[in-house]
Protein backbone atom coordinates (compact mmCIF):
# COMPACT_ATOMS: atom_id res chain seq x y z
CA MET A 1 104.80 12.89 38.13
CA ILE A 2 103.95 13.20 34.47
CA ILE A 3 106.30 10.30 33.64
CA LYS A 4 104.67 8.12 36.30
CA ASN A 5 101.25 8.91 34.87
CA ILE A 6 102.46 7.97 31.37
CA GLU A 7 103.97 4.70 32.69
CA THR A 8 100.70 3.90 34.46
CA LYS A 9 98.72 4.60 31.32
CA VAL A 10 101.11 2.47 29.24
CA LYS A 11 100.77 -0.41 31.71
CA LEU A 12 96.99 -0.02 31.73
CA ALA A 13 96.87 0.05 27.94
CA THR A 14 99.14 -3.00 27.78
CA PHE A 15 96.97 -4.83 30.31
CA LEU A 16 93.80 -3.95 28.42
CA SER A 17 95.34 -4.96 25.09
CA ALA A 18 96.58 -8.28 26.49
CA GLY A 19 93.23 -8.92 28.14
CA SER A 20 91.39 -8.13 24.94
CA LEU A 21 93.71 -10.42 22.96
CA ILE A 22 93.25 -13.30 25.40
CA ALA A 23 89.49 -12.79 25.42
CA ALA A 24 89.42 -12.74 21.61
CA VAL A 25 91.51 -15.92 21.41
CA LEU A 26 89.25 -17.68 23.90
CA MET A 27 86.19 -16.51 22.00
CA VAL A 28 87.63 -17.75 18.68
CA LEU A 29 88.51 -21.11 20.25
CA GLY A 30 85.05 -21.41 21.74
CA VAL A 31 83.33 -20.55 18.46
CA SER A 32 85.64 -22.92 16.54
CA PHE A 33 84.91 -25.77 18.95
CA PHE A 34 81.18 -25.14 18.75
CA ALA A 35 81.32 -24.98 14.94
CA TYR A 36 83.35 -28.22 14.86
CA ARG A 37 80.78 -30.00 17.01
CA GLN A 38 78.00 -28.72 14.78
CA VAL A 39 79.78 -30.02 11.66
CA VAL A 40 80.40 -33.42 13.26
CA ASP A 41 76.77 -33.68 14.32
CA ALA A 42 75.62 -32.57 10.87
CA ARG A 43 77.73 -35.30 9.23
CA LYS A 44 76.01 -37.87 11.41
CA SER A 45 72.61 -36.70 10.24
CA ILE A 46 71.26 -37.90 6.94
CA TYR A 47 67.79 -37.86 5.49
CA ILE A 48 65.97 -40.66 3.74
CA MET A 49 62.81 -40.48 1.69
CA ASP A 50 59.83 -42.53 2.76
CA ALA A 51 57.15 -43.96 0.46
CA ALA A 52 55.41 -40.58 0.31
CA ASN A 53 58.67 -38.77 -0.60
CA VAL A 54 58.80 -37.13 2.82
CA PRO A 55 62.36 -36.65 4.15
CA MET A 56 62.98 -38.38 7.47
CA PRO A 57 66.09 -37.89 9.60
CA ALA A 58 68.37 -40.85 10.16
CA ARG A 59 71.34 -41.06 12.50
CA GLN A 60 74.76 -42.44 11.76
CA THR A 61 75.89 -45.08 14.25
CA ASP A 62 79.02 -47.06 14.97
CA VAL A 63 79.38 -49.88 12.44
CA GLN A 64 80.18 -52.45 15.13
CA MET A 65 76.89 -51.75 16.92
CA ASN A 66 74.96 -53.26 13.99
CA ARG A 67 77.58 -55.75 12.80
CA GLU A 68 75.83 -58.82 14.19
CA ALA A 69 72.60 -57.84 12.44
CA GLU A 70 74.54 -57.29 9.22
CA TYR A 71 76.14 -60.72 9.58
CA ARG A 72 72.70 -62.31 9.92
CA SER A 73 71.42 -60.42 6.90
CA HIS A 74 74.47 -61.41 4.85
CA VAL A 75 74.17 -65.10 5.73
CA GLY A 76 70.42 -65.09 5.05
CA ARG A 77 70.88 -63.33 1.71
CA PHE A 78 73.50 -65.82 0.56
CA HIS A 79 71.32 -68.82 1.38
CA ARG A 80 68.30 -67.27 -0.35
CA LEU A 81 70.37 -66.74 -3.49
CA PHE A 82 71.95 -70.18 -3.43
CA PHE A 83 68.87 -72.22 -2.54
CA SER A 84 65.96 -70.30 -4.13
CA LEU A 85 65.84 -71.48 -7.72
CA THR A 86 63.36 -71.82 -10.57
CA PRO A 87 63.52 -74.01 -13.71
CA ASP A 88 65.23 -71.30 -15.73
CA ASP A 89 68.90 -71.69 -16.62
CA LYS A 90 69.41 -67.91 -16.93
CA PHE A 91 67.85 -67.32 -13.52
CA ILE A 92 69.95 -70.08 -11.93
CA GLU A 93 73.08 -68.60 -13.46
CA TYR A 94 72.15 -65.14 -12.15
CA GLN A 95 71.45 -66.44 -8.63
CA MET A 96 74.74 -68.32 -8.48
CA ARG A 97 76.70 -65.34 -9.80
CA GLN A 98 75.19 -63.04 -7.16
CA ALA A 99 75.77 -65.62 -4.42
CA MET A 100 79.45 -65.98 -5.33
CA TYR A 101 80.06 -62.31 -4.49
CA LEU A 102 79.23 -63.16 -0.86
CA ILE A 103 81.45 -66.20 -0.32
CA ASP A 104 84.95 -67.50 -0.92
CA GLU A 105 85.97 -70.53 -2.98
CA SER A 106 84.07 -72.87 -0.65
CA GLY A 107 80.84 -71.68 -2.30
CA ALA A 108 82.20 -72.24 -5.81
CA LEU A 109 83.30 -75.73 -4.75
CA GLN A 110 79.78 -76.69 -3.61
CA TYR A 111 78.28 -75.14 -6.73
CA ASN A 112 80.59 -77.16 -8.97
CA ASN A 113 79.86 -80.36 -7.04
CA LEU A 114 76.11 -79.85 -7.47
CA LYS A 115 76.60 -79.06 -11.12
CA GLU A 116 78.65 -82.21 -11.72
CA LYS A 117 75.97 -84.31 -9.99
CA GLY A 118 73.34 -82.92 -12.38
CA PHE A 119 71.43 -81.10 -9.64
CA PHE A 120 70.64 -78.04 -11.73
CA ASN A 121 69.73 -80.11 -14.78
CA SER A 122 67.25 -82.03 -12.63
CA ILE A 123 65.60 -78.74 -11.66
CA LEU A 124 65.17 -77.86 -15.32
CA SER A 125 63.95 -81.30 -16.39
CA SER A 126 61.42 -81.66 -13.56
CA SER A 127 60.28 -78.00 -13.59
CA ALA A 128 61.02 -77.84 -9.86
CA VAL A 129 60.77 -74.62 -7.88
CA LEU A 130 63.09 -74.39 -4.86
CA THR A 131 62.50 -71.99 -2.00
CA ILE A 132 64.25 -71.57 1.33
CA ARG A 133 62.88 -70.40 4.67
CA THR A 134 65.30 -69.21 7.32
CA ASP A 135 64.47 -70.72 10.70
CA SER A 136 67.35 -69.23 12.69
CA ILE A 137 70.92 -68.03 12.33
CA LEU A 138 73.39 -68.51 15.17
CA ILE A 139 76.23 -65.98 15.27
CA ASP A 140 79.31 -66.29 17.50
CA MET A 141 80.82 -62.80 17.34
CA SER A 142 84.04 -63.76 19.14
CA LYS A 143 84.88 -66.43 16.54
CA ARG A 144 82.93 -64.82 13.70
CA TYR A 145 81.28 -68.18 13.22
CA PHE A 146 77.74 -68.84 12.04
CA ARG A 147 75.38 -71.76 11.85
CA TYR A 148 72.37 -71.51 9.57
CA TYR A 149 69.11 -73.43 10.12
CA GLY A 150 66.57 -73.43 7.33
CA THR A 151 63.81 -75.38 5.65
CA GLN A 152 63.96 -75.91 1.91
CA LYS A 153 60.92 -76.73 -0.22
CA ILE A 154 61.29 -78.52 -3.54
CA ASP A 155 58.02 -78.11 -5.39
CA ARG A 156 57.52 -80.39 -8.41
CA ARG A 157 54.43 -81.10 -10.50
CA SER A 158 53.83 -84.44 -8.80
CA SER A 159 55.19 -83.86 -5.31
CA ALA A 160 56.50 -81.40 -2.75
CA ILE A 161 59.52 -82.21 -0.58
CA MET A 162 60.50 -80.37 2.59
CA ARG A 163 64.15 -80.63 3.53
CA SER A 164 66.00 -79.61 6.68
CA LEU A 165 69.11 -77.57 5.91
CA VAL A 166 71.93 -76.82 8.35
CA THR A 167 75.16 -75.14 7.24
CA GLU A 168 78.08 -73.46 8.95
CA GLY A 169 80.96 -71.19 8.13
CA TYR A 170 82.96 -68.14 9.16
CA LEU A 171 82.68 -64.44 8.40
CA ASN A 172 85.48 -62.13 7.31
CA ASP A 173 85.10 -58.36 7.12
CA LEU A 174 85.97 -56.56 3.91
CA GLU A 175 87.17 -52.97 3.74
CA ILE A 176 84.86 -51.78 0.98
CA ARG A 177 81.12 -52.14 0.56
CA SER A 178 79.78 -52.59 -2.94
CA GLU A 179 76.48 -53.04 -4.73
CA ASN A 180 77.14 -56.77 -4.98
CA ASN A 181 78.31 -57.05 -1.37
CA PRO A 182 76.56 -54.28 0.59
CA HIS A 183 77.56 -55.62 4.02
CA ALA A 184 81.28 -55.93 3.18
CA VAL A 185 81.39 -59.50 4.52
CA LEU A 186 82.81 -62.67 3.00
CA ILE A 187 81.65 -66.14 4.04
CA THR A 188 84.56 -68.57 4.36
CA GLY A 189 84.86 -72.28 5.04
CA TRP A 190 81.19 -72.88 4.22
CA LYS A 191 79.92 -76.44 4.42
CA THR A 192 76.62 -78.27 4.73
CA LEU A 193 76.09 -80.19 7.97
CA GLU A 194 72.61 -81.52 7.21
CA ASN A 195 70.33 -81.64 4.19
CA LYS A 196 67.69 -84.32 4.64
CA ASP A 197 64.04 -84.89 3.77
CA ILE A 198 61.59 -84.22 6.60
CA ARG A 199 58.31 -84.43 4.64
CA HIS A 200 57.24 -85.76 1.26
CA VAL A 201 53.79 -84.87 -0.05
CA GLN A 202 52.32 -86.42 -3.20
CA LYS A 203 50.15 -84.13 -5.30
CA ASN A 204 46.90 -85.00 -7.02
CA THR A 205 47.91 -85.44 -10.67
CA PHE A 206 44.43 -85.74 -12.23
């Protein structure tokens, strides 16, 4: 009788110990999972400072969700750099250098062609100011193809010329973002489809 009571107590103690161990393991797993989710959520949360230095929460999102918008921004930025020029050789050099970070050798080829034709020298000699306005940017995500539509203004002392600009090219993703290429995109196969005068306005020179 005493032995049976001892065996029963041993079984009960074993059962309680095993139950406690299982409960502890489940509790640890539950806490670990909850802590992991909290860490993941915390990594997705960043704060940015607004104009009044007030921190505002921002959420991390999947890169591909915003990729089309980044493509548009990249294409627009390249064209602004390449086609917005002032009669300052240092400024032109800076603009071209920044633009070349965003494009492959097709950009350098067009730059060299314009340089050989004396395009940049004509800007300096005529004190022309060139600006570009983006009208629209067509993006084909499946082919990573773009077509850019813009209006360029060439403002000289005696006249102002409006030109229609249409270019096309392809977009390749890069692995690393940098200060010079924040969208990690490279334009390839870039070429001009149209660049023609649409309006010519003479200025009053007296």
